[in-house]
């Protein structure tokens, strides 16, 4: 099953979280590049967590651009495996970070928060301060 189908299954209560995470890690996601002096990957901070935007296809990215009122501009993006985002990018972030997939799709988005089992233990907020 592909990532969007797993997201749908989780959202309707019939999905398996382990399958969802596996599909996320195997998926090639489109991650838009930020504009401006800081550049890097496009993200937003909410609740003290930096959320990296990722999309399952160009259509999902286009819906995001439309929702932002920026459909008329060119969007540069990288194609990145979900596993690379959580295993390499998240640990390099300055502070807690997670990934939000298809954020503009009201019934098809999914958050992958910085918790154990999704991100490396050293980046998991639920393990911060835990005694090993």
Protein backbone atom coordinates (compact mmCIF):
# COMPACT_ATOMS: atom_id res chain seq x y z
CA UNK A 1 0.00 0.00 0.00
CA UNK A 2 1.28 3.53 -0.70
CA UNK A 3 1.64 6.32 1.84
CA UNK A 4 -1.54 8.21 0.91
CA UNK A 5 -3.58 5.00 1.24
CA UNK A 6 -2.03 4.30 4.65
CA UNK A 7 -2.81 7.86 5.77
CA UNK A 8 -6.43 7.36 4.69
CA UNK A 9 -6.61 4.04 6.55
CA UNK A 10 -5.22 5.57 9.76
CA UNK A 11 -7.59 8.52 9.54
CA UNK A 12 -10.63 6.25 9.11
CA UNK A 13 -9.56 4.00 11.99
CA UNK A 14 -8.63 0.89 10.02
CA UNK A 15 -4.91 1.52 9.59
CA UNK A 16 -1.84 0.08 11.21
CA UNK A 17 0.63 2.62 12.67
CA UNK A 18 3.62 0.36 11.91
CA UNK A 19 2.58 0.06 8.24
CA UNK A 20 2.06 3.83 8.09
CA UNK A 21 5.55 4.49 9.43
CA UNK A 22 7.04 1.93 7.02
CA UNK A 23 5.33 3.55 4.03
CA UNK A 24 6.42 6.99 5.22
CA UNK A 25 10.06 5.86 5.51
CA UNK A 26 9.98 4.29 2.00
CA UNK A 27 8.14 7.16 0.31
CA UNK A 28 9.90 9.65 -1.90
CA UNK A 29 8.56 12.98 -0.68
CA UNK A 30 8.73 16.40 -2.28
CA UNK A 31 10.13 18.94 0.17
CA UNK A 32 9.89 22.58 -0.95
CA UNK A 33 12.86 24.87 -0.48
CA UNK A 34 12.42 28.03 1.55
CA UNK A 35 13.05 31.46 0.11
CA UNK A 36 15.10 34.14 1.74
CA UNK A 37 18.38 34.48 3.57
CA UNK A 38 17.91 31.40 5.79
CA UNK A 39 16.81 29.17 2.88
CA UNK A 40 16.90 25.44 3.65
CA UNK A 41 13.78 23.30 3.69
CA UNK A 42 10.40 25.01 4.01
CA UNK A 43 8.93 24.58 7.46
CA UNK A 44 6.87 26.28 10.14
CA UNK A 45 7.12 26.34 13.92
CA UNK A 46 4.05 25.47 15.97
CA UNK A 47 3.93 24.51 19.63
CA UNK A 48 7.72 24.72 19.88
CA UNK A 49 8.21 22.12 17.13
CA UNK A 50 9.59 22.85 13.67
CA UNK A 51 7.40 21.05 11.12
CA UNK A 52 9.08 20.29 7.80
CA UNK A 53 6.62 20.36 4.91
CA UNK A 54 6.63 17.25 2.69
CA UNK A 55 4.29 16.19 -0.11
CA UNK A 56 3.50 12.87 -1.73
CA UNK A 57 3.28 14.32 -5.26
CA UNK A 58 3.29 17.55 -7.25
CA UNK A 59 -0.50 17.81 -7.03
CA UNK A 60 -0.36 17.88 -3.22
CA UNK A 61 2.37 20.52 -3.39
CA UNK A 62 0.20 22.54 -5.81
CA UNK A 63 -2.74 22.41 -3.35
CA UNK A 64 -0.40 23.77 -0.66
CA UNK A 65 0.74 26.58 -2.98
CA UNK A 66 -2.90 27.39 -3.76
CA UNK A 67 -3.83 27.44 -0.06
CA UNK A 68 -1.00 29.91 0.57
CA UNK A 69 -2.11 32.11 -2.31
CA UNK A 70 1.17 31.40 -4.08
CA UNK A 71 0.07 29.15 -6.94
CA UNK A 72 1.50 31.53 -9.54
CA UNK A 73 5.12 31.22 -8.52
CA UNK A 74 7.66 28.51 -9.28
CA UNK A 75 8.31 26.12 -6.38
CA UNK A 76 11.72 24.52 -6.06
CA UNK A 77 11.79 21.27 -4.14
CA UNK A 78 13.93 18.27 -3.31
CA UNK A 79 12.83 14.65 -3.64
CA UNK A 80 13.79 13.00 -0.33
CA UNK A 81 13.05 9.63 1.23
CA UNK A 82 10.97 9.88 4.39
CA UNK A 83 13.65 7.83 6.16
CA UNK A 84 16.29 10.41 5.25
CA UNK A 85 14.13 13.20 6.65
CA UNK A 86 13.74 11.56 10.04
CA UNK A 87 17.15 9.87 10.27
CA UNK A 88 19.38 12.68 8.95
CA UNK A 89 17.50 15.98 8.63
CA UNK A 90 15.59 15.94 11.94
CA UNK A 91 18.70 15.27 14.07
CA UNK A 92 20.44 18.21 12.35
CA UNK A 93 17.58 20.62 13.14
CA UNK A 94 18.01 23.30 15.76
CA UNK A 95 15.46 22.08 18.30
CA UNK A 96 12.59 19.60 18.10
CA UNK A 97 11.40 18.86 14.57
CA UNK A 98 8.89 16.63 12.83
CA UNK A 99 7.44 16.16 9.37
CA UNK A 100 3.96 17.05 8.16
CA UNK A 101 2.84 15.32 4.96
CA UNK A 102 0.32 16.94 2.61
CA UNK A 103 -0.49 19.69 5.11
CA UNK A 104 -3.00 21.41 2.79
CA UNK A 105 -5.14 18.28 2.43
CA UNK A 106 -7.73 18.55 5.20
CA UNK A 107 -8.61 14.86 5.06
CA UNK A 108 -5.28 13.54 3.85
CA UNK A 109 -2.55 15.14 5.93
CA UNK A 110 -0.49 13.36 8.55
CA UNK A 111 1.95 14.58 11.19
CA UNK A 112 5.04 12.56 12.10
CA UNK A 113 6.07 14.12 15.42
CA UNK A 114 9.50 14.05 17.05
CA UNK A 115 8.79 11.08 19.31
CA UNK A 116 10.51 7.74 19.92
CA UNK A 117 9.80 5.23 17.19
CA UNK A 118 9.52 7.91 14.52
CA UNK A 119 12.72 9.93 14.92
CA UNK A 120 16.06 8.81 16.37
CA UNK A 121 15.99 8.60 20.18
CA UNK A 122 18.34 11.59 20.53
CA UNK A 123 15.78 13.78 18.74
CA UNK A 124 12.67 12.42 20.47
CA UNK A 125 10.99 14.95 22.76
CA UNK A 126 9.30 12.21 24.77
CA UNK A 127 12.73 10.83 25.76
CA UNK A 128 14.30 14.20 26.60
CA UNK A 129 15.69 14.02 30.09
CA UNK A 130 14.92 10.30 30.43
CA UNK A 131 17.45 8.21 32.29
CA UNK A 132 19.00 5.56 30.06
